[in-house]
Amino acid sequence: MYYRFSIVNSCVTVLLLTGFLATILMRVLKNDFLKYTRDDDAAEEAEETGWKYIHGDVFRFPRHGELIYFYMLFRSYLYGQCD
C-alpha cells in the first residue's frame, strides 16, 4: 500500500515541477521574443551589448592554446595515475 502512494507522490511531484519549469521558461522566452521583434530597427542603431558584444571573443582561438592542451593532458595523466 505504501509503495503505491510513494510512486504516485513521486509522479505528481515530477509533473508539478515540470509544469512550473515550463511556465517560467515560456514567460521568459515570450518576453525575449517580444523584445527582440519589437526592437529590430532600434537594435541596429543602439550600442551592442550582451552576447552581441562578446561573440567575437567566445570563438577566438586562445593565446598559448598548445600550453592549455598539454596542461589538460598532464592533469588527466596524473588523475589516471592516482587511482
PDB file of N, CA and C in Angstrom:
ATOM      1  N   MET A   1       0.812  -1.186   0.000  1.00  0.00           N
ATOM      2  CA  MET A   1       0.000   0.000   0.000  1.00  0.00           C
ATOM      3  C   MET A   1       0.861   1.259   0.000  1.00  0.00           C
ATOM      4  N   TYR A   2       1.917   1.252   0.814  1.00  0.00           N
ATOM      5  CA  TYR A   2       2.764   2.434   0.920  1.00  0.00           C
ATOM      6  C   TYR A   2       3.566   2.692  -0.349  1.00  0.00           C
ATOM      7  N   TYR A   3       3.968   1.627  -1.027  1.00  0.00           N
ATOM      8  CA  TYR A   3       4.758   1.820  -2.233  1.00  0.00           C
ATOM      9  C   TYR A   3       3.932   2.469  -3.341  1.00  0.00           C
ATOM     10  N   ARG A   4       2.636   2.165  -3.401  1.00  0.00           N
ATOM     11  CA  ARG A   4       1.778   2.813  -4.399  1.00  0.00           C
ATOM     12  C   ARG A   4       1.664   4.307  -4.133  1.00  0.00           C
ATOM     13  N   PHE A   5       1.487   4.672  -2.869  1.00  0.00           N
ATOM     14  CA  PHE A   5       1.414   6.077  -2.503  1.00  0.00           C
ATOM     15  C   PHE A   5       2.725   6.778  -2.830  1.00  0.00           C
ATOM     16  N   SER A   6       3.828   6.122  -2.581  1.00  0.00           N
ATOM     17  CA  SER A   6       5.140   6.702  -2.865  1.00  0.00           C
ATOM     18  C   SER A   6       5.338   6.926  -4.361  1.00  0.00           C
ATOM     19  N   ILE A   7       4.933   5.979  -5.181  1.00  0.00           N
ATOM     20  CA  ILE A   7       5.060   6.100  -6.636  1.00  0.00           C
ATOM     21  C   ILE A   7       4.177   7.224  -7.154  1.00  0.00           C
ATOM     22  N   VAL A   8       2.933   7.285  -6.686  1.00  0.00           N
ATOM     23  CA  VAL A   8       2.014   8.341  -7.119  1.00  0.00           C
ATOM     24  C   VAL A   8       2.531   9.697  -6.664  1.00  0.00           C
ATOM     25  N   ASN A   9       3.014   9.777  -5.437  1.00  0.00           N
ATOM     26  CA  ASN A   9       3.565  11.022  -4.913  1.00  0.00           C
ATOM     27  C   ASN A   9       4.753  11.487  -5.757  1.00  0.00           C
ATOM     28  N   SER A  10       5.642  10.594  -6.130  1.00  0.00           N
ATOM     29  CA  SER A  10       6.798  10.944  -6.957  1.00  0.00           C
ATOM     30  C   SER A  10       6.360  11.432  -8.336  1.00  0.00           C
ATOM     31  N   CYS A  11       5.405  10.754  -8.932  1.00  0.00           N
ATOM     32  CA  CYS A  11       4.927  11.161 -10.258  1.00  0.00           C
ATOM     33  C   CYS A  11       4.271  12.529 -10.221  1.00  0.00           C
ATOM     34  N   VAL A  12       3.455  12.787  -9.213  1.00  0.00           N
ATOM     35  CA  VAL A  12       2.802  14.087  -9.086  1.00  0.00           C
ATOM     36  C   VAL A  12       3.837  15.184  -8.869  1.00  0.00           C
ATOM     37  N   THR A  13       4.829  14.922  -8.048  1.00  0.00           N
ATOM     38  CA  THR A  13       5.890  15.905  -7.804  1.00  0.00           C
ATOM     39  C   THR A  13       6.649  16.221  -9.084  1.00  0.00           C
ATOM     40  N   VAL A  14       6.993  15.204  -9.847  1.00  0.00           N
ATOM     41  CA  VAL A  14       7.702  15.421 -11.110  1.00  0.00           C
ATOM     42  C   VAL A  14       6.844  16.214 -12.080  1.00  0.00           C
ATOM     43  N   LEU A  15       5.569  15.889 -12.185  1.00  0.00           N
ATOM     44  CA  LEU A  15       4.681  16.626 -13.088  1.00  0.00           C
ATOM     45  C   LEU A  15       4.518  18.085 -12.667  1.00  0.00           C
ATOM     46  N   LEU A  16       4.380  18.344 -11.379  1.00  0.00           N
ATOM     47  CA  LEU A  16       4.250  19.718 -10.907  1.00  0.00           C
ATOM     48  C   LEU A  16       5.522  20.526 -11.171  1.00  0.00           C
ATOM     49  N   LEU A  17       6.670  19.961 -10.865  1.00  0.00           N
ATOM     50  CA  LEU A  17       7.929  20.672 -11.097  1.00  0.00           C
ATOM     51  C   LEU A  17       8.162  20.915 -12.584  1.00  0.00           C
ATOM     52  N   THR A  18       7.800  19.954 -13.421  1.00  0.00           N
ATOM     53  CA  THR A  18       7.926  20.142 -14.862  1.00  0.00           C
ATOM     54  C   THR A  18       7.001  21.254 -15.343  1.00  0.00           C
ATOM     55  N   GLY A  19       5.780  21.292 -14.807  1.00  0.00           N
ATOM     56  CA  GLY A  19       4.836  22.349 -15.161  1.00  0.00           C
ATOM     57  C   GLY A  19       5.335  23.723 -14.733  1.00  0.00           C
ATOM     58  N   PHE A  20       5.882  23.831 -13.523  1.00  0.00           N
ATOM     59  CA  PHE A  20       6.430  25.105 -13.052  1.00  0.00           C
ATOM     60  C   PHE A  20       7.580  25.563 -13.934  1.00  0.00           C
ATOM     61  N   LEU A  21       8.461  24.651 -14.256  1.00  0.00           N
ATOM     62  CA  LEU A  21       9.607  24.989 -15.096  1.00  0.00           C
ATOM     63  C   LEU A  21       9.166  25.412 -16.493  1.00  0.00           C
ATOM     64  N   ALA A  22       8.211  24.705 -17.054  1.00  0.00           N
ATOM     65  CA  ALA A  22       7.711  25.056 -18.386  1.00  0.00           C
ATOM     66  C   ALA A  22       7.047  26.430 -18.374  1.00  0.00           C
ATOM     67  N   THR A  23       6.300  26.738 -17.317  1.00  0.00           N
ATOM     68  CA  THR A  23       5.652  28.040 -17.209  1.00  0.00           C
ATOM     69  C   THR A  23       6.676  29.158 -17.146  1.00  0.00           C
ATOM     70  N   ILE A  24       7.694  28.987 -16.333  1.00  0.00           N
ATOM     71  CA  ILE A  24       8.736  30.012 -16.204  1.00  0.00           C
ATOM     72  C   ILE A  24       9.479  30.197 -17.518  1.00  0.00           C
ATOM     73  N   LEU A  25       9.840  29.094 -18.168  1.00  0.00           N
ATOM     74  CA  LEU A  25      10.563  29.194 -19.438  1.00  0.00           C
ATOM     75  C   LEU A  25       9.719  29.848 -20.522  1.00  0.00           C
ATOM     76  N   MET A  26       8.443  29.524 -20.571  1.00  0.00           N
ATOM     77  CA  MET A  26       7.568  30.126 -21.583  1.00  0.00           C
ATOM     78  C   MET A  26       7.424  31.627 -21.371  1.00  0.00           C
ATOM     79  N   ARG A  27       7.323  32.067 -20.121  1.00  0.00           N
ATOM     80  CA  ARG A  27       7.239  33.507 -19.848  1.00  0.00           C
ATOM     81  C   ARG A  27       8.508  34.221 -20.282  1.00  0.00           C
ATOM     82  N   VAL A  28       9.649  33.650 -19.927  1.00  0.00           N
ATOM     83  CA  VAL A  28      10.923  34.282 -20.277  1.00  0.00           C
ATOM     84  C   VAL A  28      11.107  34.315 -21.788  1.00  0.00           C
ATOM     85  N   LEU A  29      10.836  33.211 -22.456  1.00  0.00           N
ATOM     86  CA  LEU A  29      11.001  33.161 -23.907  1.00  0.00           C
ATOM     87  C   LEU A  29      10.034  34.093 -24.615  1.00  0.00           C
ATOM     88  N   LYS A  30       8.804  34.195 -24.120  1.00  0.00           N
ATOM     89  CA  LYS A  30       7.832  35.095 -24.727  1.00  0.00           C
ATOM     90  C   LYS A  30       8.280  36.549 -24.588  1.00  0.00           C
ATOM     91  N   ASN A  31       8.762  36.925 -23.413  1.00  0.00           N
ATOM     92  CA  ASN A  31       9.230  38.293 -23.203  1.00  0.00           C
ATOM     93  C   ASN A  31      10.448  38.604 -24.073  1.00  0.00           C
ATOM     94  N   ASP A  32      11.381  37.661 -24.171  1.00  0.00           N
ATOM     95  CA  ASP A  32      12.557  37.875 -25.019  1.00  0.00           C
ATOM     96  C   ASP A  32      12.159  37.996 -26.486  1.00  0.00           C
ATOM     97  N   PHE A  33      11.262  37.130 -26.922  1.00  0.00           N
ATOM     98  CA  PHE A  33      10.839  37.170 -28.316  1.00  0.00           C
ATOM     99  C   PHE A  33      10.164  38.498 -28.644  1.00  0.00           C
ATOM    100  N   LEU A  34       9.294  38.956 -27.756  1.00  0.00           N
ATOM    101  CA  LEU A  34       8.625  40.244 -27.975  1.00  0.00           C
ATOM    102  C   LEU A  34       9.626  41.395 -27.980  1.00  0.00           C
ATOM    103  N   LYS A  35      10.596  41.338 -27.095  1.00  0.00           N
ATOM    104  CA  LYS A  35      11.594  42.404 -27.019  1.00  0.00           C
ATOM    105  C   LYS A  35      12.429  42.466 -28.293  1.00  0.00           C
ATOM    106  N   TYR A  36      12.837  41.310 -28.791  1.00  0.00           N
ATOM    107  CA  TYR A  36      13.701  41.299 -29.975  1.00  0.00           C
ATOM    108  C   TYR A  36      12.936  41.617 -31.257  1.00  0.00           C
ATOM    109  N   THR A  37      11.677  41.226 -31.347  1.00  0.00           N
ATOM    110  CA  THR A  37      10.919  41.560 -32.555  1.00  0.00           C
ATOM    111  C   THR A  37      10.495  43.019 -32.559  1.00  0.00           C
ATOM    112  N   ARG A  38      10.253  43.587 -31.399  1.00  0.00           N
ATOM    113  CA  ARG A  38       9.832  44.979 -31.306  1.00  0.00           C
ATOM    114  C   ARG A  38      10.992  45.935 -31.578  1.00  0.00           C
ATOM    115  N   ASP A  39      12.176  45.538 -31.163  1.00  0.00           N
ATOM    116  CA  ASP A  39      13.330  46.434 -31.228  1.00  0.00           C
ATOM    117  C   ASP A  39      14.311  46.090 -32.340  1.00  0.00           C
ATOM    118  N   ASP A  40      13.845  45.475 -33.430  1.00  0.00           N
ATOM    119  CA  ASP A  40      14.753  45.119 -34.518  1.00  0.00           C
ATOM    120  C   ASP A  40      15.414  46.350 -35.123  1.00  0.00           C
ATOM    121  N   ASP A  41      14.631  47.355 -35.428  1.00  0.00           N
ATOM    122  CA  ASP A  41      15.194  48.551 -36.040  1.00  0.00           C
ATOM    123  C   ASP A  41      16.002  49.360 -35.040  1.00  0.00           C
ATOM    124  N   ALA A  42      15.532  49.467 -33.834  1.00  0.00           N
ATOM    125  CA  ALA A  42      16.235  50.254 -32.820  1.00  0.00           C
ATOM    126  C   ALA A  42      17.521  49.561 -32.391  1.00  0.00           C
ATOM    127  N   ALA A  43      17.551  48.231 -32.448  1.00  0.00           N
ATOM    128  CA  ALA A  43      18.735  47.497 -32.019  1.00  0.00           C
ATOM    129  C   ALA A  43      19.906  47.710 -32.965  1.00  0.00           C
ATOM    130  N   GLU A  44      19.619  47.925 -34.247  1.00  0.00           N
ATOM    131  CA  GLU A  44      20.702  48.142 -35.202  1.00  0.00           C
ATOM    132  C   GLU A  44      21.428  49.453 -34.928  1.00  0.00           C
ATOM    133  N   GLU A  45      20.695  50.444 -34.435  1.00  0.00           N
ATOM    134  CA  GLU A  45      21.293  51.736 -34.161  1.00  0.00           C
ATOM    135  C   GLU A  45      21.901  51.806 -32.767  1.00  0.00           C
ATOM    136  N   ALA A  46      21.442  50.987 -31.834  1.00  0.00           N
ATOM    137  CA  ALA A  46      21.917  51.032 -30.457  1.00  0.00           C
ATOM    138  C   ALA A  46      23.287  50.368 -30.342  1.00  0.00           C
ATOM    139  N   GLU A  47      23.952  50.671 -29.244  1.00  0.00           N
ATOM    140  CA  GLU A  47      25.256  50.066 -28.977  1.00  0.00           C
ATOM    141  C   GLU A  47      25.059  48.593 -28.659  1.00  0.00           C
ATOM    142  N   GLU A  48      25.972  47.772 -29.140  1.00  0.00           N
ATOM    143  CA  GLU A  48      25.846  46.340 -28.920  1.00  0.00           C
ATOM    144  C   GLU A  48      26.192  46.004 -27.478  1.00  0.00           C
ATOM    145  N   THR A  49      25.381  45.158 -26.869  1.00  0.00           N
ATOM    146  CA  THR A  49      25.621  44.706 -25.502  1.00  0.00           C
ATOM    147  C   THR A  49      25.355  43.223 -25.420  1.00  0.00           C
ATOM    148  N   GLY A  50      25.766  42.621 -24.330  1.00  0.00           N
ATOM    149  CA  GLY A  50      25.495  41.205 -24.084  1.00  0.00           C
ATOM    150  C   GLY A  50      26.229  40.299 -25.048  1.00  0.00           C
ATOM    151  N   TRP A  51      25.518  39.313 -25.577  1.00  0.00           N
ATOM    152  CA  TRP A  51      26.100  38.305 -26.453  1.00  0.00           C
ATOM    153  C   TRP A  51      26.683  38.921 -27.718  1.00  0.00           C
ATOM    154  N   LYS A  52      25.999  39.926 -28.261  1.00  0.00           N
ATOM    155  CA  LYS A  52      26.490  40.556 -29.476  1.00  0.00           C
ATOM    156  C   LYS A  52      27.828  41.234 -29.242  1.00  0.00           C
ATOM    157  N   TYR A  53      28.065  41.675 -28.039  1.00  0.00           N
ATOM    158  CA  TYR A  53      29.308  42.368 -27.705  1.00  0.00           C
ATOM    159  C   TYR A  53      30.477  41.394 -27.563  1.00  0.00           C
ATOM    160  N   ILE A  54      30.236  40.203 -27.024  1.00  0.00           N
ATOM    161  CA  ILE A  54      31.338  39.277 -26.743  1.00  0.00           C
ATOM    162  C   ILE A  54      31.439  38.116 -27.721  1.00  0.00           C
ATOM    163  N   HIS A  55      30.592  38.049 -28.747  1.00  0.00           N
ATOM    164  CA  HIS A  55      30.593  36.858 -29.606  1.00  0.00           C
ATOM    165  C   HIS A  55      31.924  36.668 -30.324  1.00  0.00           C
ATOM    166  N   GLY A  56      32.667  37.729 -30.584  1.00  0.00           N
ATOM    167  CA  GLY A  56      33.966  37.577 -31.236  1.00  0.00           C
ATOM    168  C   GLY A  56      35.001  36.943 -30.320  1.00  0.00           C
ATOM    169  N   ASP A  57      34.908  37.197 -29.021  1.00  0.00           N
ATOM    170  CA  ASP A  57      35.867  36.639 -28.073  1.00  0.00           C
ATOM    171  C   ASP A  57      35.575  35.185 -27.731  1.00  0.00           C
ATOM    172  N   VAL A  58      34.333  34.782 -27.839  1.00  0.00           N
ATOM    173  CA  VAL A  58      33.973  33.418 -27.465  1.00  0.00           C
ATOM    174  C   VAL A  58      34.581  32.416 -28.435  1.00  0.00           C
ATOM    175  N   PHE A  59      34.557  32.721 -29.718  1.00  0.00           N
ATOM    176  CA  PHE A  59      35.044  31.782 -30.722  1.00  0.00           C
ATOM    177  C   PHE A  59      36.484  32.057 -31.146  1.00  0.00           C
ATOM    178  N   ARG A  60      37.163  32.932 -30.432  1.00  0.00           N
ATOM    179  CA  ARG A  60      38.557  33.256 -30.749  1.00  0.00           C
ATOM    180  C   ARG A  60      39.457  32.151 -30.199  1.00  0.00           C
ATOM    181  N   PHE A  61      40.455  31.755 -30.977  1.00  0.00           N
ATOM    182  CA  PHE A  61      41.406  30.745 -30.524  1.00  0.00           C
ATOM    183  C   PHE A  61      42.265  31.350 -29.423  1.00  0.00           C
ATOM    184  N   PRO A  62      42.438  30.662 -28.290  1.00  0.00           N
ATOM    185  CA  PRO A  62      43.166  31.256 -27.176  1.00  0.00           C
ATOM    186  C   PRO A  62      44.665  31.371 -27.465  1.00  0.00           C
ATOM    187  N   ARG A  63      45.244  32.415 -26.856  1.00  0.00           N
ATOM    188  CA  ARG A  63      46.696  32.527 -26.931  1.00  0.00           C
ATOM    189  C   ARG A  63      47.312  31.372 -26.156  1.00  0.00           C
ATOM    190  N   HIS A  64      48.387  30.832 -26.621  1.00  0.00           N
ATOM    191  CA  HIS A  64      49.089  29.709 -25.992  1.00  0.00           C
ATOM    192  C   HIS A  64      48.163  28.499 -25.835  1.00  0.00           C
ATOM    193  N   GLY A  65      47.416  28.202 -26.878  1.00  0.00           N
ATOM    194  CA  GLY A  65      46.489  27.074 -26.855  1.00  0.00           C
ATOM    195  C   GLY A  65      47.187  25.744 -26.662  1.00  0.00           C
ATOM    196  N   GLU A  66      48.412  25.640 -27.174  1.00  0.00           N
ATOM    197  CA  GLU A  66      49.154  24.388 -27.023  1.00  0.00           C
ATOM    198  C   GLU A  66      49.465  24.130 -25.562  1.00  0.00           C
ATOM    199  N   LEU A  67      49.792  25.186 -24.805  1.00  0.00           N
ATOM    200  CA  LEU A  67      50.091  25.012 -23.388  1.00  0.00           C
ATOM    201  C   LEU A  67      48.848  24.569 -22.621  1.00  0.00           C
ATOM    202  N   ILE A  68      47.711  25.108 -22.989  1.00  0.00           N
ATOM    203  CA  ILE A  68      46.464  24.696 -22.342  1.00  0.00           C
ATOM    204  C   ILE A  68      46.193  23.224 -22.630  1.00  0.00           C
ATOM    205  N   TYR A  69      46.438  22.823 -23.874  1.00  0.00           N
ATOM    206  CA  TYR A  69      46.230  21.427 -24.251  1.00  0.00           C
ATOM    207  C   TYR A  69      47.145  20.503 -23.445  1.00  0.00           C
ATOM    208  N   PHE A  70      48.421  20.840 -23.362  1.00  0.00           N
ATOM    209  CA  PHE A  70      49.356  19.984 -22.636  1.00  0.00           C
ATOM    210  C   PHE A  70      49.071  19.979 -21.139  1.00  0.00           C
ATOM    211  N   TYR A  71      48.616  21.110 -20.604  1.00  0.00           N
ATOM    212  CA  TYR A  71      48.245  21.161 -19.192  1.00  0.00           C
ATOM    213  C   TYR A  71      47.078  20.222 -18.909  1.00  0.00           C
ATOM    214  N   MET A  72      46.059  20.258 -19.758  1.00  0.00           N
ATOM    215  CA  MET A  72      44.912  19.373 -19.562  1.00  0.00           C
ATOM    216  C   MET A  72      45.308  17.904 -19.735  1.00  0.00           C
ATOM    217  N   LEU A  73      46.181  17.633 -20.694  1.00  0.00           N
ATOM    218  CA  LEU A  73      46.657  16.276 -20.912  1.00  0.00           C
ATOM    219  C   LEU A  73      47.431  15.774 -19.701  1.00  0.00           C
ATOM    220  N   PHE A  74      48.292  16.615 -19.143  1.00  0.00           N
ATOM    221  CA  PHE A  74      49.094  16.251 -17.977  1.00  0.00           C
ATOM    222  C   PHE A  74      48.201  16.008 -16.765  1.00  0.00           C
ATOM    223  N   ARG A  75      47.179  16.850 -16.601  1.00  0.00           N
ATOM    224  CA  ARG A  75      46.252  16.668 -15.477  1.00  0.00           C
ATOM    225  C   ARG A  75      45.515  15.343 -15.589  1.00  0.00           C
ATOM    226  N   SER A  76      45.079  14.997 -16.795  1.00  0.00           N
ATOM    227  CA  SER A  76      44.361  13.734 -16.954  1.00  0.00           C
ATOM    228  C   SER A  76      45.300  12.546 -16.732  1.00  0.00           C
ATOM    229  N   TYR A  77      46.549  12.694 -17.125  1.00  0.00           N
ATOM    230  CA  TYR A  77      47.546  11.647 -16.888  1.00  0.00           C
ATOM    231  C   TYR A  77      47.754  11.447 -15.397  1.00  0.00           C
ATOM    232  N   LEU A  78      47.929  12.558 -14.654  1.00  0.00           N
ATOM    233  CA  LEU A  78      48.131  12.448 -13.198  1.00  0.00           C
ATOM    234  C   LEU A  78      46.900  11.879 -12.522  1.00  0.00           C
ATOM    235  N   TYR A  79      45.720  12.279 -12.972  1.00  0.00           N
ATOM    236  CA  TYR A  79      44.498  11.747 -12.391  1.00  0.00           C
ATOM    237  C   TYR A  79      44.422  10.238 -12.610  1.00  0.00           C
ATOM    238  N   GLY A  80      44.836   9.781 -13.752  1.00  0.00           N
ATOM    239  CA  GLY A  80      44.827   8.349 -14.039  1.00  0.00           C
ATOM    240  C   GLY A  80      45.848   7.590 -13.216  1.00  0.00           C
ATOM    241  N   GLN A  81      46.960   8.227 -12.881  1.00  0.00           N
ATOM    242  CA  GLN A  81      47.998   7.579 -12.087  1.00  0.00           C
ATOM    243  C   GLN A  81      47.626   7.498 -10.614  1.00  0.00           C
ATOM    244  N   CYS A  82      46.776   8.382 -10.143  1.00  0.00           N
ATOM    245  CA  CYS A  82      46.401   8.422  -8.728  1.00  0.00           C
ATOM    246  C   CYS A  82      45.413   7.320  -8.354  1.00  0.00           C
ATOM    247  N   ASP A  83      44.727   6.764  -9.310  1.00  0.00           N
ATOM    248  CA  ASP A  83      43.723   5.740  -8.988  1.00  0.00           C
ATOM    249  C   ASP A  83      44.342   4.444  -8.624  1.00  0.00           C
TER     250      ASP A  83
END
